[in-house]
Structures are given as structure tokens and as C-alpha cells.
Amino acid sequence: MLPTLKEGDLLIYKPFSYKEDYLYEGLIVVIKHPFEQGQLMVKRISKVRYSSIEIIGDNVASSIDSRQLGAINKVNIEGIVENIIS
């Protein structure tokens, strides 16, 4: 997620509520990796669909995102980033 996030930055995020939170393009979210159990990813939403989202990293050249993983089911959203502390 360079340049937005750098090594050592601290993220503050709130748990995602499917019923209460509004998702939109550009929002930074914490998601459960769809294929690696216990692994979390921080990505930006690039497209919102009814039951899924597409994600992209800010460092497009080296990011693992929906271009490789496909659409991410909304149940995999762990939280919404509220603050980044550098």
C-alpha cells in the first residue's frame, strides 16, 4: 500500500458491520486473505458490488489484489481503516 502505508505504520480500524457500514470506492479496508487462513490484507476498494468488492493496492506494480484474487466476498471484510499513524 505504498505510498499510503509505510513499514512500521500503525493502523486503527473499526470492525466491519455488514448492516451499518457503507462501502465505497477509495475506502481502505482490512480483509481476510481469501486463500491464506489467518492472513490479513490492507487494500483500497476499487469497485463495490452487491455481495462482493474488488480491491487494489496503492503500489499497483507489486500489489496482490483483485487482479489476481478476483472479487472478495464482503464476509471477508474484517474492518474499515479509520486512522493511520506514521
C-alpha atoms as a PDB file:
ATOM      1  CA  MET A   1       0.000   0.000   0.000  1.00  0.00           C
ATOM      2  CA  LEU A   2       2.940   2.339  -0.528  1.00  0.00           C
ATOM      3  CA  PRO A   3       2.864   5.338  -0.598  1.00  0.00           C
ATOM      4  CA  THR A   4      -0.196   5.481   1.719  1.00  0.00           C
ATOM      5  CA  LEU A   5       1.213   2.966   4.216  1.00  0.00           C
ATOM      6  CA  LYS A   6       4.835   2.540   5.111  1.00  0.00           C
ATOM      7  CA  GLU A   7       6.665  -0.141   7.085  1.00  0.00           C
ATOM      8  CA  GLY A   8       6.020   0.436  10.777  1.00  0.00           C
ATOM      9  CA  ASP A   9       2.818   2.477  10.355  1.00  0.00           C
ATOM     10  CA  LEU A  10       0.078   1.723  12.847  1.00  0.00           C
ATOM     11  CA  LEU A  11      -3.485   1.234  11.610  1.00  0.00           C
ATOM     12  CA  ILE A  12      -6.595   1.892  13.628  1.00  0.00           C
ATOM     13  CA  TYR A  13      -9.654   0.199  12.201  1.00  0.00           C
ATOM     14  CA  LYS A  14     -13.167  -0.497  13.342  1.00  0.00           C
ATOM     15  CA  PRO A  15     -14.840  -3.859  12.836  1.00  0.00           C
ATOM     16  CA  PHE A  16     -16.952  -4.022   9.692  1.00  0.00           C
ATOM     17  CA  SER A  17     -20.712  -4.205  10.180  1.00  0.00           C
ATOM     18  CA  TYR A  18     -22.488  -5.531   7.097  1.00  0.00           C
ATOM     19  CA  LYS A  19     -25.717  -3.788   8.135  1.00  0.00           C
ATOM     20  CA  GLU A  20     -24.321  -0.442   9.299  1.00  0.00           C
ATOM     21  CA  ASP A  21     -21.235   0.416   7.232  1.00  0.00           C
ATOM     22  CA  TYR A  22     -21.343   1.959   3.775  1.00  0.00           C
ATOM     23  CA  LEU A  23     -18.661   0.758   1.358  1.00  0.00           C
ATOM     24  CA  TYR A  24     -17.423   2.974  -1.457  1.00  0.00           C
ATOM     25  CA  GLU A  25     -14.577   3.208  -3.954  1.00  0.00           C
ATOM     26  CA  GLY A  26     -11.372   4.514  -2.392  1.00  0.00           C
ATOM     27  CA  LEU A  27     -12.146   3.269   1.130  1.00  0.00           C
ATOM     28  CA  ILE A  28      -9.226   1.446   2.807  1.00  0.00           C
ATOM     29  CA  VAL A  29     -10.265  -1.860   4.363  1.00  0.00           C
ATOM     30  CA  VAL A  30      -8.704  -4.749   6.267  1.00  0.00           C
ATOM     31  CA  ILE A  31      -9.732  -8.067   4.747  1.00  0.00           C
ATOM     32  CA  LYS A  32      -9.122 -11.722   5.466  1.00  0.00           C
ATOM     33  CA  HIS A  33      -6.969 -13.235   2.733  1.00  0.00           C
ATOM     34  CA  PRO A  34      -9.302 -15.453   0.693  1.00  0.00           C
ATOM     35  CA  PHE A  35      -6.773 -18.303   0.373  1.00  0.00           C
ATOM     36  CA  GLU A  36      -4.350 -17.987   3.308  1.00  0.00           C
ATOM     37  CA  GLN A  37      -6.035 -18.638   6.638  1.00  0.00           C
ATOM     38  CA  GLY A  38      -5.095 -16.182   9.395  1.00  0.00           C
ATOM     39  CA  GLN A  39      -3.563 -13.681   6.953  1.00  0.00           C
ATOM     40  CA  LEU A  40      -4.928 -10.127   6.792  1.00  0.00           C
ATOM     41  CA  MET A  41      -4.536  -7.697   3.900  1.00  0.00           C
ATOM     42  CA  VAL A  42      -4.941  -3.913   3.772  1.00  0.00           C
ATOM     43  CA  LYS A  43      -6.291  -2.711   0.443  1.00  0.00           C
ATOM     44  CA  ARG A  44      -8.321   0.024  -1.176  1.00  0.00           C
ATOM     45  CA  ILE A  45     -11.774  -0.725  -2.595  1.00  0.00           C
ATOM     46  CA  SER A  46     -11.850  -0.223  -6.361  1.00  0.00           C
ATOM     47  CA  LYS A  47     -15.384  -1.477  -7.055  1.00  0.00           C
ATOM     48  CA  VAL A  48     -18.403  -2.310  -4.901  1.00  0.00           C
ATOM     49  CA  ARG A  49     -20.901  -4.972  -5.906  1.00  0.00           C
ATOM     50  CA  TYR A  50     -23.952  -6.386  -4.134  1.00  0.00           C
ATOM     51  CA  SER A  51     -22.156  -9.179  -2.240  1.00  0.00           C
ATOM     52  CA  SER A  52     -18.510  -8.546  -3.082  1.00  0.00           C
ATOM     53  CA  ILE A  53     -15.848  -5.909  -3.573  1.00  0.00           C
ATOM     54  CA  GLU A  54     -12.851  -5.557  -5.813  1.00  0.00           C
ATOM     55  CA  ILE A  55      -9.666  -4.370  -4.144  1.00  0.00           C
ATOM     56  CA  ILE A  56      -6.430  -2.833  -5.337  1.00  0.00           C
ATOM     57  CA  GLY A  57      -3.193  -1.875  -3.639  1.00  0.00           C
ATOM     58  CA  ASP A  58      -1.780   1.627  -3.966  1.00  0.00           C
ATOM     59  CA  ASN A  59       1.505   0.209  -5.306  1.00  0.00           C
ATOM     60  CA  VAL A  60      -0.157  -1.271  -8.395  1.00  0.00           C
ATOM     61  CA  ALA A  61       3.062  -2.672  -9.876  1.00  0.00           C
ATOM     62  CA  SER A  62       3.680  -5.058  -6.966  1.00  0.00           C
ATOM     63  CA  SER A  63       0.298  -5.458  -5.296  1.00  0.00           C
ATOM     64  CA  ILE A  64      -1.592  -8.723  -4.850  1.00  0.00           C
ATOM     65  CA  ASP A  65      -5.222  -7.714  -5.266  1.00  0.00           C
ATOM     66  CA  SER A  66      -8.404  -8.486  -7.222  1.00  0.00           C
ATOM     67  CA  ARG A  67      -6.443  -8.695 -10.463  1.00  0.00           C
ATOM     68  CA  GLN A  68      -5.017 -11.969  -9.101  1.00  0.00           C
ATOM     69  CA  LEU A  69      -7.552 -12.926  -6.410  1.00  0.00           C
ATOM     70  CA  GLY A  70     -10.800 -11.957  -8.105  1.00  0.00           C
ATOM     71  CA  ALA A  71     -13.694 -10.321  -6.298  1.00  0.00           C
ATOM     72  CA  ILE A  72     -13.647 -10.573  -2.494  1.00  0.00           C
ATOM     73  CA  ASN A  73     -16.814 -11.614  -0.683  1.00  0.00           C
ATOM     74  CA  LYS A  74     -17.977  -8.954   1.781  1.00  0.00           C
ATOM     75  CA  VAL A  75     -17.931 -11.540   4.599  1.00  0.00           C
ATOM     76  CA  ASN A  76     -14.108 -11.388   4.326  1.00  0.00           C
ATOM     77  CA  ILE A  77     -14.009  -7.720   5.339  1.00  0.00           C
ATOM     78  CA  GLU A  78     -12.514  -7.532   8.814  1.00  0.00           C
ATOM     79  CA  GLY A  79     -12.680  -3.773   9.264  1.00  0.00           C
ATOM     80  CA  ILE A  80     -12.566  -0.261   7.897  1.00  0.00           C
ATOM     81  CA  VAL A  81      -9.384   1.778   8.431  1.00  0.00           C
ATOM     82  CA  GLU A  82     -10.150   4.938  10.388  1.00  0.00           C
ATOM     83  CA  ASN A  83      -6.654   6.274  11.041  1.00  0.00           C
ATOM     84  CA  ILE A  84      -3.044   5.727  10.002  1.00  0.00           C
ATOM     85  CA  ILE A  85      -0.307   6.702  12.471  1.00  0.00           C
ATOM     86  CA  SER A  86       3.140   7.156  10.913  1.00  0.00           C
END
